[in-house]
């Protein structure tokens, strides 16, 4: 069985009301495709089977010149996203993948990237256990101390110019990749 895939953007959330049972179902609205096929990778040339899809048309100045040349070679205009889907077969360069590839009610696996949240403080960015701890609040906060909210060491490196992930310092509350939602259903 060939792997099916498509690229999309989340537009928002809504609800579907079932008239017969009166149930309300939460639904995520996704703008998916069309995704032109830019490159087909084969075991002979690349060592594996994959299809490269493009999504999100943009102005030419928004992408790098090598990327623009790669897309022009495939006969496509500039696109923001290029994604490889492994083990996808039966497509050629220039084909377009749309939502018609999926059946209504089919179970799908969705991966996504959360939006970036910029630079954040120590407590909110690291979701510090010290902030939630009842012991820290009673021993420190009640006596006028703020040890439960203080910044820890920033780095294990010789110069503290970068924040190491996993330390309780003040880093960027950046995007998380990937987020898996295996129980999604195609409508």
C-alpha atoms as a PDB file:
ATOM      1  CA  UNK A   1       0.000   0.000   0.000  1.00  0.00           C
ATOM      2  CA  UNK A   2       1.390   3.386  -0.998  1.00  0.00           C
ATOM      3  CA  UNK A   3       1.600   6.081   1.656  1.00  0.00           C
ATOM      4  CA  UNK A   4      -0.714   9.049   1.099  1.00  0.00           C
ATOM      5  CA  UNK A   5       0.080  12.543   2.308  1.00  0.00           C
ATOM      6  CA  UNK A   6      -0.750  16.195   1.847  1.00  0.00           C
ATOM      7  CA  UNK A   7       0.400  19.501   3.345  1.00  0.00           C
ATOM      8  CA  UNK A   8      -2.001  21.975   4.908  1.00  0.00           C
ATOM      9  CA  UNK A   9      -2.495  24.933   7.231  1.00  0.00           C
ATOM     10  CA  UNK A  10      -4.803  25.084  10.228  1.00  0.00           C
ATOM     11  CA  UNK A  11      -7.416  27.797   9.762  1.00  0.00           C
ATOM     12  CA  UNK A  12      -9.247  27.401  13.058  1.00  0.00           C
ATOM     13  CA  UNK A  13     -11.783  25.383  15.028  1.00  0.00           C
ATOM     14  CA  UNK A  14     -15.528  24.939  14.654  1.00  0.00           C
ATOM     15  CA  UNK A  15     -18.309  22.551  15.672  1.00  0.00           C
ATOM     16  CA  UNK A  16     -20.531  20.104  13.819  1.00  0.00           C
ATOM     17  CA  UNK A  17     -24.013  19.499  15.192  1.00  0.00           C
ATOM     18  CA  UNK A  18     -25.674  16.119  14.628  1.00  0.00           C
ATOM     19  CA  UNK A  19     -29.411  16.756  14.098  1.00  0.00           C
ATOM     20  CA  UNK A  20     -30.512  13.226  14.991  1.00  0.00           C
ATOM     21  CA  UNK A  21     -28.569  12.584  18.205  1.00  0.00           C
ATOM     22  CA  UNK A  22     -28.016  16.213  19.253  1.00  0.00           C
ATOM     23  CA  UNK A  23     -24.279  15.644  19.793  1.00  0.00           C
ATOM     24  CA  UNK A  24     -21.707  18.366  19.204  1.00  0.00           C
ATOM     25  CA  UNK A  25     -18.326  17.419  17.719  1.00  0.00           C
ATOM     26  CA  UNK A  26     -15.286  19.716  17.727  1.00  0.00           C
ATOM     27  CA  UNK A  27     -13.658  19.984  14.310  1.00  0.00           C
ATOM     28  CA  UNK A  28     -10.353  21.453  13.152  1.00  0.00           C
ATOM     29  CA  UNK A  29     -10.587  23.321   9.837  1.00  0.00           C
ATOM     30  CA  UNK A  30      -7.521  22.736   7.652  1.00  0.00           C
ATOM     31  CA  UNK A  31      -6.711  24.249   4.264  1.00  0.00           C
ATOM     32  CA  UNK A  32      -5.035  21.293   2.539  1.00  0.00           C
ATOM     33  CA  UNK A  33      -3.469  21.392  -0.902  1.00  0.00           C
ATOM     34  CA  UNK A  34      -3.255  21.543  -3.792  1.00  0.00           C
ATOM     35  CA  UNK A  35       0.351  20.386  -3.497  1.00  0.00           C
ATOM     36  CA  UNK A  36       2.342  20.091  -6.732  1.00  0.00           C
ATOM     37  CA  UNK A  37       4.908  17.280  -6.965  1.00  0.00           C
ATOM     38  CA  UNK A  38       8.335  18.898  -7.299  1.00  0.00           C
ATOM     39  CA  UNK A  39      10.660  15.891  -7.196  1.00  0.00           C
ATOM     40  CA  UNK A  40      10.364  12.107  -7.256  1.00  0.00           C
ATOM     41  CA  UNK A  41      13.148  10.225  -5.470  1.00  0.00           C
ATOM     42  CA  UNK A  42      13.944   6.660  -6.496  1.00  0.00           C
ATOM     43  CA  UNK A  43      16.193   3.945  -5.002  1.00  0.00           C
ATOM     44  CA  UNK A  44      18.439   4.050  -8.086  1.00  0.00           C
ATOM     45  CA  UNK A  45      19.284   7.764  -7.802  1.00  0.00           C
ATOM     46  CA  UNK A  46      18.691   8.609  -4.125  1.00  0.00           C
ATOM     47  CA  UNK A  47      18.707   5.275  -2.296  1.00  0.00           C
ATOM     48  CA  UNK A  48      15.072   5.502  -1.148  1.00  0.00           C
ATOM     49  CA  UNK A  49      11.576   6.126  -2.484  1.00  0.00           C
ATOM     50  CA  UNK A  50       9.943   9.481  -1.756  1.00  0.00           C
ATOM     51  CA  UNK A  51       7.952  12.320  -3.270  1.00  0.00           C
ATOM     52  CA  UNK A  52       8.665  15.994  -2.601  1.00  0.00           C
ATOM     53  CA  UNK A  53       5.577  18.228  -2.392  1.00  0.00           C
ATOM     54  CA  UNK A  54       5.337  22.031  -2.374  1.00  0.00           C
ATOM     55  CA  UNK A  55       2.737  24.122  -0.549  1.00  0.00           C
ATOM     56  CA  UNK A  56       1.950  27.780   0.037  1.00  0.00           C
ATOM     57  CA  UNK A  57       2.578  29.994  -2.988  1.00  0.00           C
ATOM     58  CA  UNK A  58       4.638  33.111  -2.177  1.00  0.00           C
ATOM     59  CA  UNK A  59       6.501  35.895  -3.968  1.00  0.00           C
ATOM     60  CA  UNK A  60       9.815  34.918  -5.508  1.00  0.00           C
ATOM     61  CA  UNK A  61      11.787  37.226  -3.196  1.00  0.00           C
ATOM     62  CA  UNK A  62      10.588  35.218  -0.159  1.00  0.00           C
ATOM     63  CA  UNK A  63      12.643  32.117  -1.054  1.00  0.00           C
ATOM     64  CA  UNK A  64      16.340  31.531  -1.685  1.00  0.00           C
ATOM     65  CA  UNK A  65      17.741  31.431  -5.205  1.00  0.00           C
ATOM     66  CA  UNK A  66      18.725  27.733  -5.053  1.00  0.00           C
ATOM     67  CA  UNK A  67      15.188  26.876  -3.917  1.00  0.00           C
ATOM     68  CA  UNK A  68      13.737  29.020  -6.719  1.00  0.00           C
ATOM     69  CA  UNK A  69      15.906  27.159  -9.249  1.00  0.00           C
ATOM     70  CA  UNK A  70      14.796  23.800  -7.853  1.00  0.00           C
ATOM     71  CA  UNK A  71      11.127  24.778  -8.198  1.00  0.00           C
ATOM     72  CA  UNK A  72      11.645  26.285 -11.666  1.00  0.00           C
ATOM     73  CA  UNK A  73      13.258  23.028 -12.837  1.00  0.00           C
ATOM     74  CA  UNK A  74      10.030  21.250 -11.832  1.00  0.00           C
ATOM     75  CA  UNK A  75       7.949  23.853 -13.686  1.00  0.00           C
ATOM     76  CA  UNK A  76       6.457  25.335 -10.487  1.00  0.00           C
ATOM     77  CA  UNK A  77       6.339  28.822  -9.064  1.00  0.00           C
ATOM     78  CA  UNK A  78       7.793  29.782  -5.668  1.00  0.00           C
ATOM     79  CA  UNK A  79       6.311  27.952  -2.664  1.00  0.00           C
ATOM     80  CA  UNK A  80       6.985  28.430   1.049  1.00  0.00           C
ATOM     81  CA  UNK A  81       7.092  24.771   2.121  1.00  0.00           C
ATOM     82  CA  UNK A  82       8.850  21.760   0.579  1.00  0.00           C
ATOM     83  CA  UNK A  83       8.086  18.442   2.294  1.00  0.00           C
ATOM     84  CA  UNK A  84       9.182  14.890   1.481  1.00  0.00           C
ATOM     85  CA  UNK A  85       6.770  12.012   1.920  1.00  0.00           C
ATOM     86  CA  UNK A  86       8.508   8.635   2.118  1.00  0.00           C
ATOM     87  CA  UNK A  87       7.280   5.511   0.321  1.00  0.00           C
ATOM     88  CA  UNK A  88       4.777   7.438  -1.821  1.00  0.00           C
ATOM     89  CA  UNK A  89       4.485   5.967  -5.304  1.00  0.00           C
ATOM     90  CA  UNK A  90       2.498   6.506  -8.473  1.00  0.00           C
ATOM     91  CA  UNK A  91       3.168  10.242  -8.816  1.00  0.00           C
ATOM     92  CA  UNK A  92       5.224  12.125 -11.382  1.00  0.00           C
ATOM     93  CA  UNK A  93       6.773  15.594 -11.382  1.00  0.00           C
ATOM     94  CA  UNK A  94       4.078  18.122 -12.216  1.00  0.00           C
ATOM     95  CA  UNK A  95       1.178  16.124 -10.728  1.00  0.00           C
ATOM     96  CA  UNK A  96      -0.937  17.820  -8.095  1.00  0.00           C
ATOM     97  CA  UNK A  97      -2.001  16.165  -4.832  1.00  0.00           C
ATOM     98  CA  UNK A  98      -5.409  17.267  -3.535  1.00  0.00           C
ATOM     99  CA  UNK A  99      -7.809  16.169  -0.787  1.00  0.00           C
ATOM    100  CA  UNK A 100      -9.513  13.810  -3.251  1.00  0.00           C
ATOM    101  CA  UNK A 101      -6.712  11.344  -2.377  1.00  0.00           C
ATOM    102  CA  UNK A 102      -8.520  10.675   0.926  1.00  0.00           C
ATOM    103  CA  UNK A 103     -11.892   9.040   1.536  1.00  0.00           C
ATOM    104  CA  UNK A 104     -14.459  10.628   3.901  1.00  0.00           C
ATOM    105  CA  UNK A 105     -14.209   9.014   7.349  1.00  0.00           C
ATOM    106  CA  UNK A 106     -10.707   7.639   6.712  1.00  0.00           C
ATOM    107  CA  UNK A 107      -8.359   7.582   9.738  1.00  0.00           C
ATOM    108  CA  UNK A 108      -5.310   9.788   9.210  1.00  0.00           C
ATOM    109  CA  UNK A 109      -2.175  10.700  11.144  1.00  0.00           C
ATOM    110  CA  UNK A 110      -1.604  14.434  11.495  1.00  0.00           C
ATOM    111  CA  UNK A 111       1.674  16.097  12.446  1.00  0.00           C
ATOM    112  CA  UNK A 112       1.984  19.801  12.994  1.00  0.00           C
ATOM    113  CA  UNK A 113       4.126  22.579  14.303  1.00  0.00           C
ATOM    114  CA  UNK A 114       2.873  24.895  17.012  1.00  0.00           C
ATOM    115  CA  UNK A 115       3.275  28.610  16.496  1.00  0.00           C
ATOM    116  CA  UNK A 116       6.298  30.311  18.058  1.00  0.00           C
ATOM    117  CA  UNK A 117       5.696  32.280  21.219  1.00  0.00           C
ATOM    118  CA  UNK A 118       8.847  34.395  21.314  1.00  0.00           C
ATOM    119  CA  UNK A 119      11.093  35.018  24.308  1.00  0.00           C
ATOM    120  CA  UNK A 120       9.505  34.104  27.618  1.00  0.00           C
ATOM    121  CA  UNK A 121      10.376  34.250  31.280  1.00  0.00           C
ATOM    122  CA  UNK A 122      11.912  31.414  33.280  1.00  0.00           C
ATOM    123  CA  UNK A 123       8.687  30.082  34.753  1.00  0.00           C
ATOM    124  CA  UNK A 124       6.450  30.167  31.690  1.00  0.00           C
ATOM    125  CA  UNK A 125       9.019  28.991  29.133  1.00  0.00           C
ATOM    126  CA  UNK A 126      10.256  25.994  31.074  1.00  0.00           C
ATOM    127  CA  UNK A 127       6.969  25.209  32.885  1.00  0.00           C
ATOM    128  CA  UNK A 128       9.043  24.950  36.018  1.00  0.00           C
ATOM    129  CA  UNK A 129       7.906  22.455  38.635  1.00  0.00           C
ATOM    130  CA  UNK A 130       9.077  24.932  41.277  1.00  0.00           C
ATOM    131  CA  UNK A 131       6.336  27.319  40.258  1.00  0.00           C
ATOM    132  CA  UNK A 132       3.662  24.654  40.741  1.00  0.00           C
ATOM    133  CA  UNK A 133       5.161  23.122  43.858  1.00  0.00           C
ATOM    134  CA  UNK A 134       3.226  23.690  47.080  1.00  0.00           C
ATOM    135  CA  UNK A 135       6.452  23.297  49.082  1.00  0.00           C
ATOM    136  CA  UNK A 136       8.200  26.066  47.149  1.00  0.00           C
ATOM    137  CA  UNK A 137       5.279  28.433  47.650  1.00  0.00           C
ATOM    138  CA  UNK A 138       4.974  27.850  51.377  1.00  0.00           C
ATOM    139  CA  UNK A 139       8.673  27.883  52.244  1.00  0.00           C
ATOM    140  CA  UNK A 140       9.839  30.670  49.947  1.00  0.00           C
ATOM    141  CA  UNK A 141       6.953  32.845  48.884  1.00  0.00           C
ATOM    142  CA  UNK A 142       5.333  33.111  52.303  1.00  0.00           C
ATOM    143  CA  UNK A 143       8.561  34.401  53.871  1.00  0.00           C
ATOM    144  CA  UNK A 144       9.099  37.152  51.337  1.00  0.00           C
ATOM    145  CA  UNK A 145      11.674  35.260  49.294  1.00  0.00           C
ATOM    146  CA  UNK A 146      11.424  34.671  45.561  1.00  0.00           C
ATOM    147  CA  UNK A 147      13.736  31.668  45.266  1.00  0.00           C
ATOM    148  CA  UNK A 148      10.990  29.667  43.594  1.00  0.00           C
ATOM    149  CA  UNK A 149      10.911  32.163  40.698  1.00  0.00           C
ATOM    150  CA  UNK A 150      14.591  32.928  40.315  1.00  0.00           C
ATOM    151  CA  UNK A 151      16.594  32.213  37.205  1.00  0.00           C
ATOM    152  CA  UNK A 152      18.837  29.159  37.375  1.00  0.00           C
ATOM    153  CA  UNK A 153      22.172  28.804  35.622  1.00  0.00           C
ATOM    154  CA  UNK A 154      21.862  29.646  31.953  1.00  0.00           C
ATOM    155  CA  UNK A 155      24.440  27.387  30.407  1.00  0.00           C
ATOM    156  CA  UNK A 156      26.971  24.659  30.978  1.00  0.00           C
ATOM    157  CA  UNK A 157      29.339  26.235  28.473  1.00  0.00           C
ATOM    158  CA  UNK A 158      32.336  28.393  29.348  1.00  0.00           C
ATOM    159  CA  UNK A 159      30.635  31.536  28.138  1.00  0.00           C
ATOM    160  CA  UNK A 160      27.004  31.980  29.061  1.00  0.00           C
ATOM    161  CA  UNK A 161      25.992  33.466  25.716  1.00  0.00           C
ATOM    162  CA  UNK A 162      23.503  30.710  24.846  1.00  0.00           C
ATOM    163  CA  UNK A 163      20.730  28.999  26.704  1.00  0.00           C
ATOM    164  CA  UNK A 164      20.980  25.226  26.754  1.00  0.00           C
ATOM    165  CA  UNK A 165      17.657  23.441  26.204  1.00  0.00           C
ATOM    166  CA  UNK A 166      16.538  21.613  29.304  1.00  0.00           C
ATOM    167  CA  UNK A 167      18.042  24.052  31.798  1.00  0.00           C
ATOM    168  CA  UNK A 168      15.680  26.211  33.777  1.00  0.00           C
ATOM    169  CA  UNK A 169      16.791  29.477  32.232  1.00  0.00           C
ATOM    170  CA  UNK A 170      14.875  32.032  30.186  1.00  0.00           C
ATOM    171  CA  UNK A 171      14.822  30.672  26.625  1.00  0.00           C
ATOM    172  CA  UNK A 172      12.511  31.196  23.723  1.00  0.00           C
ATOM    173  CA  UNK A 173       9.182  29.427  24.109  1.00  0.00           C
ATOM    174  CA  UNK A 174       9.699  28.278  20.549  1.00  0.00           C
ATOM    175  CA  UNK A 175       7.749  26.067  18.188  1.00  0.00           C
ATOM    176  CA  UNK A 176       7.418  22.415  19.008  1.00  0.00           C
ATOM    177  CA  UNK A 177       7.901  19.896  16.201  1.00  0.00           C
ATOM    178  CA  UNK A 178       6.263  17.463  15.642  1.00  0.00           C
ATOM    179  CA  UNK A 179       2.908  17.293  17.349  1.00  0.00           C
ATOM    180  CA  UNK A 180       1.203  13.966  16.654  1.00  0.00           C
ATOM    181  CA  UNK A 181      -2.555  13.558  16.630  1.00  0.00           C
ATOM    182  CA  UNK A 182      -3.080   9.935  15.560  1.00  0.00           C
ATOM    183  CA  UNK A 183      -6.834   9.867  16.185  1.00  0.00           C
ATOM    184  CA  UNK A 184      -7.865  12.365  13.520  1.00  0.00           C
ATOM    185  CA  UNK A 185     -10.584  11.493  11.045  1.00  0.00           C
ATOM    186  CA  UNK A 186     -10.821  12.833   7.500  1.00  0.00           C
ATOM    187  CA  UNK A 187     -14.181  14.511   6.833  1.00  0.00           C
END
